[in-house]
Each structure stands twice: as structure tokens, then as C-alpha cells.
N, C-alpha and C. Protein backbone atom coordinates (compact mmCIF):
# COMPACT_ATOMS: atom_id res chain seq x y z
N MET A 1 -6.26 -10.40 3.30
CA MET A 1 -6.14 -9.18 2.55
C MET A 1 -5.55 -9.51 1.19
N THR A 2 -6.21 -9.18 0.15
CA THR A 2 -5.67 -9.41 -1.18
C THR A 2 -5.30 -8.07 -1.78
N PRO A 3 -4.19 -8.00 -2.53
CA PRO A 3 -3.74 -6.72 -3.04
C PRO A 3 -4.66 -6.12 -4.09
N ARG A 4 -5.56 -6.91 -4.71
CA ARG A 4 -6.45 -6.39 -5.73
C ARG A 4 -7.72 -5.80 -5.14
N ASN A 5 -7.96 -6.00 -3.90
CA ASN A 5 -9.23 -5.59 -3.31
C ASN A 5 -8.97 -4.79 -2.04
N PRO A 6 -8.86 -3.43 -2.13
CA PRO A 6 -8.60 -2.66 -0.91
C PRO A 6 -9.80 -2.74 0.03
N CYS A 7 -9.50 -2.73 1.31
CA CYS A 7 -10.58 -2.80 2.28
C CYS A 7 -10.18 -2.06 3.54
N VAL A 8 -11.15 -1.77 4.36
CA VAL A 8 -10.91 -1.13 5.65
C VAL A 8 -11.61 -1.96 6.70
N ARG A 9 -10.93 -2.24 7.77
CA ARG A 9 -11.51 -3.02 8.85
C ARG A 9 -11.37 -2.21 10.14
N PHE A 10 -12.38 -2.27 10.98
CA PHE A 10 -12.36 -1.57 12.26
C PHE A 10 -12.58 -2.56 13.38
N LEU A 11 -11.73 -2.54 14.36
CA LEU A 11 -11.86 -3.38 15.55
C LEU A 11 -12.02 -2.43 16.73
N GLY A 12 -13.08 -2.54 17.50
CA GLY A 12 -13.32 -1.59 18.59
C GLY A 12 -12.85 -2.12 19.93
N LEU A 13 -12.26 -1.27 20.73
CA LEU A 13 -11.93 -1.51 22.12
C LEU A 13 -12.61 -0.38 22.88
N PRO A 14 -12.76 -0.47 24.19
CA PRO A 14 -13.51 0.55 24.91
C PRO A 14 -13.15 1.99 24.55
N ALA A 15 -11.89 2.33 24.54
CA ALA A 15 -11.52 3.72 24.24
C ALA A 15 -10.60 3.78 23.03
N LEU A 16 -10.68 2.80 22.18
CA LEU A 16 -9.72 2.70 21.08
C LEU A 16 -10.43 2.23 19.83
N LEU A 17 -10.15 2.88 18.76
CA LEU A 17 -10.62 2.41 17.46
C LEU A 17 -9.37 2.09 16.69
N PHE A 18 -9.18 0.85 16.33
CA PHE A 18 -7.97 0.35 15.70
C PHE A 18 -8.32 0.14 14.24
N ALA A 19 -7.74 0.92 13.35
CA ALA A 19 -8.13 0.85 11.95
C ALA A 19 -6.97 0.33 11.11
N ALA A 20 -7.28 -0.58 10.22
CA ALA A 20 -6.26 -1.13 9.33
C ALA A 20 -6.79 -1.05 7.91
N ALA A 21 -5.96 -0.56 7.01
CA ALA A 21 -6.41 -0.42 5.63
C ALA A 21 -5.37 -0.95 4.67
N SER A 22 -5.80 -1.64 3.63
CA SER A 22 -4.86 -2.11 2.62
C SER A 22 -4.97 -1.22 1.41
N CYS A 23 -3.92 -1.21 0.59
CA CYS A 23 -3.88 -0.37 -0.59
C CYS A 23 -3.68 -1.22 -1.83
N GLU A 24 -3.91 -0.61 -2.98
CA GLU A 24 -3.68 -1.29 -4.25
C GLU A 24 -2.20 -1.58 -4.41
N PRO A 25 -1.82 -2.64 -5.15
CA PRO A 25 -0.41 -2.94 -5.37
C PRO A 25 0.24 -1.88 -6.25
N ALA A 26 1.57 -1.70 -6.06
CA ALA A 26 2.31 -0.72 -6.84
C ALA A 26 2.48 -1.19 -8.29
N THR A 27 2.74 -2.47 -8.49
CA THR A 27 2.91 -3.01 -9.84
C THR A 27 2.19 -4.34 -9.93
N VAL A 28 1.89 -4.74 -11.15
CA VAL A 28 1.23 -6.03 -11.37
C VAL A 28 2.24 -7.16 -11.29
N THR A 29 3.50 -6.92 -11.69
CA THR A 29 4.50 -7.98 -11.69
C THR A 29 4.94 -8.37 -10.30
N ASN A 30 4.89 -7.45 -9.34
CA ASN A 30 5.29 -7.75 -7.97
C ASN A 30 4.19 -7.25 -7.03
N PRO A 31 3.04 -7.95 -7.01
CA PRO A 31 1.93 -7.43 -6.21
C PRO A 31 2.24 -7.46 -4.72
N GLN A 32 1.96 -6.36 -4.07
CA GLN A 32 2.09 -6.27 -2.63
C GLN A 32 0.99 -5.35 -2.13
N GLY A 33 0.61 -5.57 -0.91
CA GLY A 33 -0.32 -4.67 -0.26
C GLY A 33 0.46 -3.79 0.69
N ALA A 34 -0.20 -2.81 1.24
CA ALA A 34 0.41 -1.95 2.25
C ALA A 34 -0.62 -1.74 3.35
N MET A 35 -0.13 -1.62 4.56
CA MET A 35 -1.03 -1.46 5.70
C MET A 35 -0.61 -0.27 6.53
N SER A 36 -1.59 0.49 6.96
CA SER A 36 -1.38 1.57 7.91
C SER A 36 -2.32 1.33 9.08
N VAL A 37 -1.83 1.55 10.29
CA VAL A 37 -2.63 1.33 11.50
C VAL A 37 -2.54 2.58 12.35
N HIS A 38 -3.71 3.09 12.76
CA HIS A 38 -3.79 4.31 13.55
C HIS A 38 -4.64 4.08 14.79
N LEU A 39 -4.38 4.88 15.80
CA LEU A 39 -5.22 4.89 17.00
C LEU A 39 -6.17 6.08 16.90
N ALA A 40 -7.39 5.88 17.35
CA ALA A 40 -8.36 6.97 17.41
C ALA A 40 -9.27 6.73 18.60
N LYS A 41 -9.70 7.78 19.23
CA LYS A 41 -10.58 7.66 20.39
C LYS A 41 -11.99 7.35 19.93
N ALA A 42 -12.59 6.36 20.57
CA ALA A 42 -13.99 6.02 20.33
C ALA A 42 -14.76 6.36 21.60
N GLY A 43 -15.71 7.19 21.58
CA GLY A 43 -16.41 7.77 22.71
C GLY A 43 -16.68 6.94 23.94
N ALA A 44 -15.71 6.64 24.75
CA ALA A 44 -15.91 5.97 26.04
C ALA A 44 -15.67 7.00 27.13
N ASN A 45 -16.72 7.41 27.82
CA ASN A 45 -16.62 8.48 28.81
C ASN A 45 -16.50 8.00 30.24
N SER A 46 -16.35 6.71 30.47
CA SER A 46 -16.27 6.21 31.84
C SER A 46 -14.82 6.10 32.34
N PHE A 47 -13.88 6.63 31.55
CA PHE A 47 -12.47 6.57 31.92
C PHE A 47 -11.88 7.97 32.00
N GLN A 48 -10.96 8.17 32.98
CA GLN A 48 -10.15 9.39 33.01
C GLN A 48 -8.93 9.21 32.13
N THR A 49 -8.31 8.04 32.26
CA THR A 49 -7.06 7.75 31.57
C THR A 49 -7.05 6.30 31.12
N VAL A 50 -6.56 6.06 29.92
CA VAL A 50 -6.29 4.70 29.44
C VAL A 50 -4.91 4.75 28.80
N ASN A 51 -3.89 4.36 29.57
CA ASN A 51 -2.51 4.39 29.08
C ASN A 51 -2.06 3.00 28.69
N LEU A 52 -1.59 2.86 27.45
CA LEU A 52 -1.04 1.59 26.97
C LEU A 52 0.39 1.79 26.51
N HIS A 53 1.27 0.92 26.95
CA HIS A 53 2.65 0.90 26.46
C HIS A 53 2.69 -0.16 25.36
N ILE A 54 2.66 0.28 24.10
CA ILE A 54 2.62 -0.63 22.96
C ILE A 54 4.03 -0.94 22.51
N SER A 55 4.41 -2.19 22.65
CA SER A 55 5.74 -2.65 22.27
C SER A 55 5.82 -2.91 20.77
N SER A 56 4.81 -3.63 20.22
CA SER A 56 4.82 -3.92 18.79
C SER A 56 3.41 -4.19 18.29
N LEU A 57 3.29 -4.17 16.98
CA LEU A 57 2.06 -4.46 16.28
C LEU A 57 2.36 -5.61 15.33
N GLU A 58 1.53 -6.66 15.36
CA GLU A 58 1.78 -7.85 14.55
C GLU A 58 0.53 -8.25 13.79
N ALA A 59 0.74 -8.92 12.64
CA ALA A 59 -0.35 -9.46 11.84
C ALA A 59 -0.07 -10.92 11.59
N HIS A 60 -1.13 -11.73 11.50
CA HIS A 60 -0.97 -13.16 11.25
C HIS A 60 -1.39 -13.49 9.82
N SER A 61 -0.45 -14.06 9.08
CA SER A 61 -0.69 -14.48 7.70
C SER A 61 -0.79 -16.00 7.67
N ASN A 62 -1.72 -16.52 6.87
CA ASN A 62 -1.82 -17.98 6.73
C ASN A 62 -0.56 -18.59 6.14
N SER A 63 0.18 -17.82 5.34
CA SER A 63 1.39 -18.37 4.70
C SER A 63 2.66 -18.11 5.49
N ARG A 64 2.74 -17.00 6.25
CA ARG A 64 3.99 -16.64 6.93
C ARG A 64 3.93 -16.69 8.44
N GLY A 65 2.75 -16.89 9.00
CA GLY A 65 2.63 -16.86 10.46
C GLY A 65 2.61 -15.40 10.93
N TRP A 66 3.11 -15.15 12.14
CA TRP A 66 3.10 -13.80 12.70
C TRP A 66 4.18 -12.94 12.07
N VAL A 67 3.80 -11.74 11.64
CA VAL A 67 4.69 -10.78 11.00
C VAL A 67 4.64 -9.50 11.81
N THR A 68 5.81 -8.97 12.19
CA THR A 68 5.87 -7.71 12.92
C THR A 68 5.71 -6.56 11.93
N LEU A 69 4.71 -5.71 12.17
CA LEU A 69 4.47 -4.56 11.30
C LEU A 69 5.22 -3.33 11.78
N SER A 70 5.31 -3.16 13.09
CA SER A 70 6.06 -2.03 13.65
C SER A 70 6.38 -2.32 15.11
N GLU A 71 7.33 -1.57 15.64
CA GLU A 71 7.73 -1.67 17.04
C GLU A 71 7.82 -0.26 17.63
N PRO A 72 6.66 0.35 17.92
CA PRO A 72 6.69 1.74 18.40
C PRO A 72 7.33 1.91 19.77
N ASP A 73 7.23 0.91 20.66
CA ASP A 73 7.78 0.99 22.02
C ASP A 73 7.47 2.35 22.64
N ALA A 74 6.18 2.68 22.67
CA ALA A 74 5.74 3.99 23.17
C ALA A 74 4.47 3.83 23.99
N THR A 75 4.23 4.82 24.86
CA THR A 75 3.03 4.84 25.68
C THR A 75 2.04 5.84 25.09
N TYR A 76 0.78 5.42 24.97
CA TYR A 76 -0.28 6.26 24.42
C TYR A 76 -1.39 6.40 25.46
N ASP A 77 -1.84 7.64 25.71
CA ASP A 77 -3.01 7.87 26.53
C ASP A 77 -4.19 7.97 25.57
N LEU A 78 -4.98 6.90 25.49
CA LEU A 78 -6.06 6.83 24.52
C LEU A 78 -7.11 7.90 24.74
N MET A 79 -7.26 8.39 25.96
CA MET A 79 -8.27 9.41 26.23
C MET A 79 -7.84 10.79 25.73
N LYS A 80 -6.58 10.96 25.40
CA LYS A 80 -6.10 12.25 24.88
C LYS A 80 -6.12 12.29 23.35
N LEU A 81 -6.51 11.20 22.71
CA LEU A 81 -6.59 11.19 21.26
C LEU A 81 -7.85 11.92 20.84
N THR A 82 -7.70 12.97 20.05
CA THR A 82 -8.85 13.75 19.61
C THR A 82 -8.71 14.10 18.13
N GLY A 83 -9.79 14.55 17.54
CA GLY A 83 -9.74 15.03 16.18
C GLY A 83 -9.61 13.95 15.13
N GLY A 84 -10.31 12.84 15.28
CA GLY A 84 -10.25 11.79 14.27
C GLY A 84 -9.07 10.85 14.50
N VAL A 85 -8.43 10.43 13.42
CA VAL A 85 -7.34 9.47 13.51
C VAL A 85 -6.08 10.18 14.00
N VAL A 86 -5.56 9.70 15.11
CA VAL A 86 -4.35 10.26 15.72
C VAL A 86 -3.53 9.08 16.22
N GLY A 87 -2.25 9.20 16.28
CA GLY A 87 -1.42 8.13 16.81
C GLY A 87 -1.19 7.04 15.78
N THR A 88 -0.19 7.19 14.96
CA THR A 88 0.11 6.20 13.92
C THR A 88 1.03 5.12 14.48
N LEU A 89 0.58 3.86 14.38
CA LEU A 89 1.40 2.73 14.82
C LEU A 89 2.18 2.12 13.67
N ALA A 90 1.65 2.21 12.46
CA ALA A 90 2.34 1.71 11.26
C ALA A 90 1.84 2.52 10.07
N SER A 91 2.74 2.84 9.16
CA SER A 91 2.35 3.65 8.02
C SER A 91 2.92 3.06 6.73
N GLY A 92 2.05 2.55 5.88
CA GLY A 92 2.46 2.03 4.58
C GLY A 92 3.37 0.82 4.64
N VAL A 93 3.21 -0.03 5.63
CA VAL A 93 4.05 -1.23 5.77
C VAL A 93 3.71 -2.20 4.64
N ALA A 94 4.72 -2.63 3.88
CA ALA A 94 4.50 -3.56 2.76
C ALA A 94 4.15 -4.94 3.29
N LEU A 95 3.14 -5.55 2.68
CA LEU A 95 2.71 -6.89 3.04
C LEU A 95 2.64 -7.76 1.80
N GLU A 96 3.06 -9.00 1.94
CA GLU A 96 2.94 -9.95 0.85
C GLU A 96 1.46 -10.30 0.65
N PRO A 97 1.08 -10.64 -0.57
CA PRO A 97 -0.31 -11.05 -0.81
C PRO A 97 -0.65 -12.27 0.04
N GLY A 98 -1.87 -12.34 0.47
CA GLY A 98 -2.31 -13.48 1.27
C GLY A 98 -3.47 -13.09 2.14
N LYS A 99 -3.86 -14.00 2.99
CA LYS A 99 -4.98 -13.77 3.90
C LYS A 99 -4.42 -13.50 5.29
N TYR A 100 -4.79 -12.35 5.85
CA TYR A 100 -4.38 -11.95 7.19
C TYR A 100 -5.62 -12.04 8.08
N THR A 101 -5.55 -12.89 9.08
CA THR A 101 -6.73 -13.20 9.87
C THR A 101 -6.71 -12.63 11.28
N GLN A 102 -5.54 -12.20 11.76
CA GLN A 102 -5.46 -11.70 13.13
C GLN A 102 -4.47 -10.55 13.20
N PHE A 103 -4.75 -9.61 14.09
CA PHE A 103 -3.83 -8.52 14.38
C PHE A 103 -3.73 -8.42 15.89
N ARG A 104 -2.55 -8.06 16.38
CA ARG A 104 -2.43 -7.91 17.83
C ARG A 104 -1.49 -6.78 18.20
N LEU A 105 -1.86 -6.12 19.27
CA LEU A 105 -1.00 -5.13 19.90
C LEU A 105 -0.27 -5.86 21.02
N VAL A 106 1.04 -5.83 21.00
CA VAL A 106 1.83 -6.46 22.05
C VAL A 106 2.19 -5.36 23.04
N LEU A 107 1.68 -5.51 24.26
CA LEU A 107 1.95 -4.51 25.28
C LEU A 107 3.29 -4.76 25.95
N GLY A 108 4.03 -3.69 26.20
CA GLY A 108 5.31 -3.79 26.90
C GLY A 108 5.08 -3.93 28.39
N PRO A 109 6.16 -3.92 29.17
CA PRO A 109 6.04 -4.13 30.61
C PRO A 109 5.40 -2.96 31.34
N GLY A 110 5.23 -1.85 30.66
CA GLY A 110 4.68 -0.66 31.32
C GLY A 110 5.81 0.20 31.85
N GLN A 111 5.47 1.42 32.19
CA GLN A 111 6.46 2.36 32.69
C GLN A 111 6.02 2.88 34.04
N GLU A 112 6.98 3.39 34.82
CA GLU A 112 6.69 3.95 36.13
C GLU A 112 7.18 5.38 36.19
N ASP A 113 6.57 6.18 37.06
CA ASP A 113 7.04 7.55 37.25
C ASP A 113 8.22 7.55 38.23
N ALA A 114 8.71 8.72 38.57
CA ALA A 114 9.87 8.84 39.46
C ALA A 114 9.61 8.26 40.84
N ASN A 115 8.35 8.17 41.27
CA ASN A 115 8.00 7.63 42.58
C ASN A 115 7.72 6.13 42.55
N GLY A 116 7.90 5.50 41.38
CA GLY A 116 7.66 4.07 41.26
C GLY A 116 6.20 3.71 41.01
N GLN A 117 5.35 4.71 40.75
CA GLN A 117 3.95 4.45 40.47
C GLN A 117 3.78 4.10 38.99
N LYS A 118 3.03 3.05 38.72
CA LYS A 118 2.81 2.62 37.34
C LYS A 118 2.02 3.69 36.58
N ILE A 119 2.50 4.06 35.38
CA ILE A 119 1.81 5.09 34.60
C ILE A 119 1.40 4.58 33.21
N SER A 120 1.69 3.33 32.88
CA SER A 120 1.20 2.81 31.60
C SER A 120 0.69 1.39 31.80
N ASN A 121 -0.11 0.93 30.81
CA ASN A 121 -0.90 -0.28 30.93
C ASN A 121 -1.79 -0.14 32.17
N LEU A 122 -2.44 1.02 32.20
CA LEU A 122 -3.21 1.43 33.37
C LEU A 122 -4.50 2.10 32.91
N VAL A 123 -5.58 1.78 33.58
CA VAL A 123 -6.86 2.43 33.34
C VAL A 123 -7.26 3.12 34.63
N VAL A 124 -7.59 4.42 34.54
CA VAL A 124 -8.12 5.17 35.68
C VAL A 124 -9.56 5.51 35.36
N LEU A 125 -10.47 4.99 36.21
CA LEU A 125 -11.89 5.23 36.03
C LEU A 125 -12.27 6.64 36.51
N ASN A 126 -13.45 7.08 36.17
CA ASN A 126 -13.91 8.42 36.59
C ASN A 126 -13.95 8.58 38.10
N ASP A 127 -14.12 7.48 38.86
CA ASP A 127 -14.12 7.57 40.31
C ASP A 127 -12.71 7.65 40.91
N GLY A 128 -11.68 7.65 40.05
CA GLY A 128 -10.29 7.76 40.50
C GLY A 128 -9.60 6.45 40.77
N SER A 129 -10.32 5.33 40.72
CA SER A 129 -9.68 4.04 40.98
C SER A 129 -8.85 3.61 39.76
N SER A 130 -7.71 2.96 40.05
CA SER A 130 -6.78 2.52 39.01
C SER A 130 -6.81 1.02 38.87
N HIS A 131 -6.72 0.56 37.64
CA HIS A 131 -6.72 -0.88 37.36
C HIS A 131 -5.66 -1.19 36.33
């Protein structure tokens, strides 16, 4: 990602559209980019529920290695995301100029309900089976 050339990249997962966008630098003397990452539902109808416990969001820079963009530590039901872009994981995070080649969602250990049943990092198919 270079600060002079804004771009939008989309990475698709079954029920997730992960969008990352860079912005123009604020000043020429101290060029920086900014990144915002949002969750949005991409039409996958074979699932009842797709719950992810997202611990952090990271980007890999050729010059700095892995950089943490945010640490939401929250559970998202991807099937409940409606109306375009919903669920912000990072908003306007400043990035140094350079080439960013990888992004990753780091999943947490998951959460359980009061009965000890796992409720995140879980996929429930339309037939009711859980994985």
C-alpha cells in the first residue's frame, strides 16, 4: 500500500467480505496511509450461524513485519450482518508507507454460554449441525 495511490481490496470468505481501504496522506512532509476494515455479509445461504470471536486484526509490512491494527476481542455473527458494510474492526488506523502483503484475523479461544456450550468460532449449517 503506498500513500500516494489509494486502493480498495476485497478478500472473500464464505459469509464474510473483508474490505480494506487506504487513504491519501495527510501531509506531504510526513506521508502516512490509513486503513479501515469492516465486516459485511456476502450472500452465503447454506449457514444458519457463523460466529467468530475476533481477538485482533494484523497486517504484514515488508519493512516492519506484523503490525496489530486493532484488538476488538469481540464475537460477530456474520449471518446477522445486513445492509452493506457493518461491523467495523479498524477505523482510520495510521500506517507507515510501504508494501503490505498479508492481513489476518486472529481468532480468540471462543466463548461458551451458561451451559458450557460453545457459541463462538462456530458454524451452524442449515441442517442444524455445528462445526
